[in-house]
Amino acid sequence: MPKVAYTMENADKCRCPSCPVQTKSECTKELMMKAMEAKNRGELPEPEIMPGLYCRIGRAKCKDLDPSAPCQCPTCLVWQENDLFSQYFCLKGNADEIEK
């Protein structure tokens, strides 16, 4: 069973969209628009367009992230509620992959 559930509740708590690692990413901005359209329809965005919950879905598809920027995973409720300890899931992979 995955450590983090892919749910609207977790998507709403997710801090990834405002994380300094990806705030300058044009790719992330495009995905965020698509994800927001889905959420506005009351739908959970497909993982392929979700610019967040990397602790569940794994590495970001966007290649223009800034790995030198500070990660904010420890400030995220999803991270705290699931007792995660790794960071930079957007670059390293999901919690199941890197927290074994």
C-alpha atoms as a PDB file:
ATOM      1  CA  MET A   1       0.000   0.000   0.000  1.00  0.00           C
ATOM      2  CA  PRO A   2       1.408   3.427  -0.936  1.00  0.00           C
ATOM      3  CA  LYS A   3       2.477   5.698   1.876  1.00  0.00           C
ATOM      4  CA  VAL A   4       0.586   8.656   0.405  1.00  0.00           C
ATOM      5  CA  ALA A   5      -2.881   8.408  -1.109  1.00  0.00           C
ATOM      6  CA  TYR A   6      -3.635  10.197  -4.386  1.00  0.00           C
ATOM      7  CA  THR A   7      -6.752  12.048  -3.260  1.00  0.00           C
ATOM      8  CA  MET A   8      -8.296  15.486  -3.702  1.00  0.00           C
ATOM      9  CA  GLU A   9      -7.801  16.060   0.026  1.00  0.00           C
ATOM     10  CA  ASN A  10      -4.048  15.515  -0.296  1.00  0.00           C
ATOM     11  CA  ALA A  11      -3.921  17.495  -3.542  1.00  0.00           C
ATOM     12  CA  ASP A  12      -5.509  20.442  -1.719  1.00  0.00           C
ATOM     13  CA  LYS A  13      -2.956  20.221   1.110  1.00  0.00           C
ATOM     14  CA  CYS A  14       0.018  19.815  -1.230  1.00  0.00           C
ATOM     15  CA  ARG A  15       2.623  22.609  -1.128  1.00  0.00           C
ATOM     16  CA  CYS A  16       4.454  21.546  -4.295  1.00  0.00           C
ATOM     17  CA  PRO A  17       2.794  24.103  -6.595  1.00  0.00           C
ATOM     18  CA  SER A  18       4.277  26.949  -4.539  1.00  0.00           C
ATOM     19  CA  CYS A  19       7.635  25.275  -3.887  1.00  0.00           C
ATOM     20  CA  PRO A  20      10.721  27.328  -4.838  1.00  0.00           C
ATOM     21  CA  VAL A  21      12.077  24.289  -6.689  1.00  0.00           C
ATOM     22  CA  GLN A  22       9.407  24.657  -9.348  1.00  0.00           C
ATOM     23  CA  THR A  23       7.988  28.202  -9.123  1.00  0.00           C
ATOM     24  CA  LYS A  24      10.077  29.432 -12.080  1.00  0.00           C
ATOM     25  CA  SER A  25       9.291  26.400 -14.236  1.00  0.00           C
ATOM     26  CA  GLU A  26       7.300  27.233 -17.377  1.00  0.00           C
ATOM     27  CA  CYS A  27       6.385  23.556 -17.697  1.00  0.00           C
ATOM     28  CA  THR A  28       4.961  23.548 -14.172  1.00  0.00           C
ATOM     29  CA  LYS A  29       2.941  26.702 -14.886  1.00  0.00           C
ATOM     30  CA  GLU A  30       1.335  25.005 -17.892  1.00  0.00           C
ATOM     31  CA  LEU A  31       0.543  21.870 -15.891  1.00  0.00           C
ATOM     32  CA  MET A  32      -0.859  23.960 -13.047  1.00  0.00           C
ATOM     33  CA  MET A  33      -3.350  25.575 -15.421  1.00  0.00           C
ATOM     34  CA  LYS A  34      -4.516  22.138 -16.615  1.00  0.00           C
ATOM     35  CA  ALA A  35      -4.694  20.811 -13.058  1.00  0.00           C
ATOM     36  CA  MET A  36      -6.702  23.831 -11.908  1.00  0.00           C
ATOM     37  CA  GLU A  37      -9.159  23.340 -14.776  1.00  0.00           C
ATOM     38  CA  ALA A  38      -9.731  19.753 -13.614  1.00  0.00           C
ATOM     39  CA  LYS A  39     -10.099  20.823  -9.972  1.00  0.00           C
ATOM     40  CA  ASN A  40     -12.576  23.557 -10.987  1.00  0.00           C
ATOM     41  CA  ARG A  41     -14.675  20.805 -12.588  1.00  0.00           C
ATOM     42  CA  GLY A  42     -14.526  18.944  -9.264  1.00  0.00           C
ATOM     43  CA  GLU A  43     -12.128  16.337 -10.668  1.00  0.00           C
ATOM     44  CA  LEU A  44      -8.853  15.115  -9.284  1.00  0.00           C
ATOM     45  CA  PRO A  45      -6.237  15.964 -11.933  1.00  0.00           C
ATOM     46  CA  GLU A  46      -4.666  12.984 -13.663  1.00  0.00           C
ATOM     47  CA  PRO A  47      -1.180  12.294 -12.256  1.00  0.00           C
ATOM     48  CA  GLU A  48       0.339  13.156 -15.658  1.00  0.00           C
ATOM     49  CA  ILE A  49      -0.775  16.779 -15.310  1.00  0.00           C
ATOM     50  CA  MET A  50      -0.482  17.132 -11.538  1.00  0.00           C
ATOM     51  CA  PRO A  51       2.363  19.517 -10.648  1.00  0.00           C
ATOM     52  CA  GLY A  52       2.502  18.186  -7.122  1.00  0.00           C
ATOM     53  CA  LEU A  53       2.034  15.238  -4.777  1.00  0.00           C
ATOM     54  CA  TYR A  54       5.404  14.028  -5.973  1.00  0.00           C
ATOM     55  CA  CYS A  55       5.670  12.090  -2.713  1.00  0.00           C
ATOM     56  CA  ARG A  56       2.963   9.897  -4.282  1.00  0.00           C
ATOM     57  CA  ILE A  57       3.364  10.149  -8.061  1.00  0.00           C
ATOM     58  CA  GLY A  58       7.147  10.368  -8.246  1.00  0.00           C
ATOM     59  CA  ARG A  59       9.532  12.515 -10.244  1.00  0.00           C
ATOM     60  CA  ALA A  60       8.240  15.592 -11.996  1.00  0.00           C
ATOM     61  CA  LYS A  61       7.808  15.350 -15.734  1.00  0.00           C
ATOM     62  CA  CYS A  62       9.058  18.927 -16.058  1.00  0.00           C
ATOM     63  CA  LYS A  63      12.778  19.181 -16.665  1.00  0.00           C
ATOM     64  CA  ASP A  64      13.159  22.892 -15.885  1.00  0.00           C
ATOM     65  CA  LEU A  65      13.016  22.618 -12.086  1.00  0.00           C
ATOM     66  CA  ASP A  66      15.641  24.309  -9.912  1.00  0.00           C
ATOM     67  CA  PRO A  67      17.382  21.699  -7.739  1.00  0.00           C
ATOM     68  CA  SER A  68      19.381  24.432  -5.993  1.00  0.00           C
ATOM     69  CA  ALA A  69      16.216  26.032  -4.570  1.00  0.00           C
ATOM     70  CA  PRO A  70      15.072  25.106  -1.053  1.00  0.00           C
ATOM     71  CA  CYS A  71      12.614  22.222  -0.756  1.00  0.00           C
ATOM     72  CA  GLN A  72       9.562  22.876   1.400  1.00  0.00           C
ATOM     73  CA  CYS A  73       8.440  19.276   1.931  1.00  0.00           C
ATOM     74  CA  PRO A  74       8.879  19.413   5.734  1.00  0.00           C
ATOM     75  CA  THR A  75       6.385  22.301   5.909  1.00  0.00           C
ATOM     76  CA  CYS A  76       3.702  20.315   4.059  1.00  0.00           C
ATOM     77  CA  LEU A  77       0.765  18.691   5.869  1.00  0.00           C
ATOM     78  CA  VAL A  78       0.873  15.708   3.495  1.00  0.00           C
ATOM     79  CA  TRP A  79       4.541  15.158   4.423  1.00  0.00           C
ATOM     80  CA  GLN A  80       3.813  15.503   8.144  1.00  0.00           C
ATOM     81  CA  GLU A  81       0.636  13.387   8.223  1.00  0.00           C
ATOM     82  CA  ASN A  82       2.342  10.529   6.369  1.00  0.00           C
ATOM     83  CA  ASP A  83       5.503  10.532   8.512  1.00  0.00           C
ATOM     84  CA  LEU A  84       7.765  11.106   5.526  1.00  0.00           C
ATOM     85  CA  PHE A  85      11.408  11.921   5.976  1.00  0.00           C
ATOM     86  CA  SER A  86      12.849  12.436   2.508  1.00  0.00           C
ATOM     87  CA  GLN A  87      12.707  15.609   0.477  1.00  0.00           C
ATOM     88  CA  TYR A  88      12.905  16.608  -3.196  1.00  0.00           C
ATOM     89  CA  PHE A  89      10.434  13.907  -4.282  1.00  0.00           C
ATOM     90  CA  CYS A  90      10.003  15.918  -7.506  1.00  0.00           C
ATOM     91  CA  LEU A  91      13.622  15.099  -8.348  1.00  0.00           C
ATOM     92  CA  LYS A  92      14.198  11.746  -6.608  1.00  0.00           C
ATOM     93  CA  GLY A  93      10.919   9.809  -6.889  1.00  0.00           C
ATOM     94  CA  ASN A  94       7.954   8.941  -4.696  1.00  0.00           C
ATOM     95  CA  ALA A  95       8.110   8.069  -1.007  1.00  0.00           C
ATOM     96  CA  ASP A  96       7.695   4.339  -1.689  1.00  0.00           C
ATOM     97  CA  GLU A  97      10.783   4.401  -3.928  1.00  0.00           C
ATOM     98  CA  ILE A  98      13.133   6.411  -1.752  1.00  0.00           C
ATOM     99  CA  GLU A  99      11.965   5.678   1.776  1.00  0.00           C
ATOM    100  CA  LYS A 100      12.277   1.892   1.736  1.00  0.00           C
END
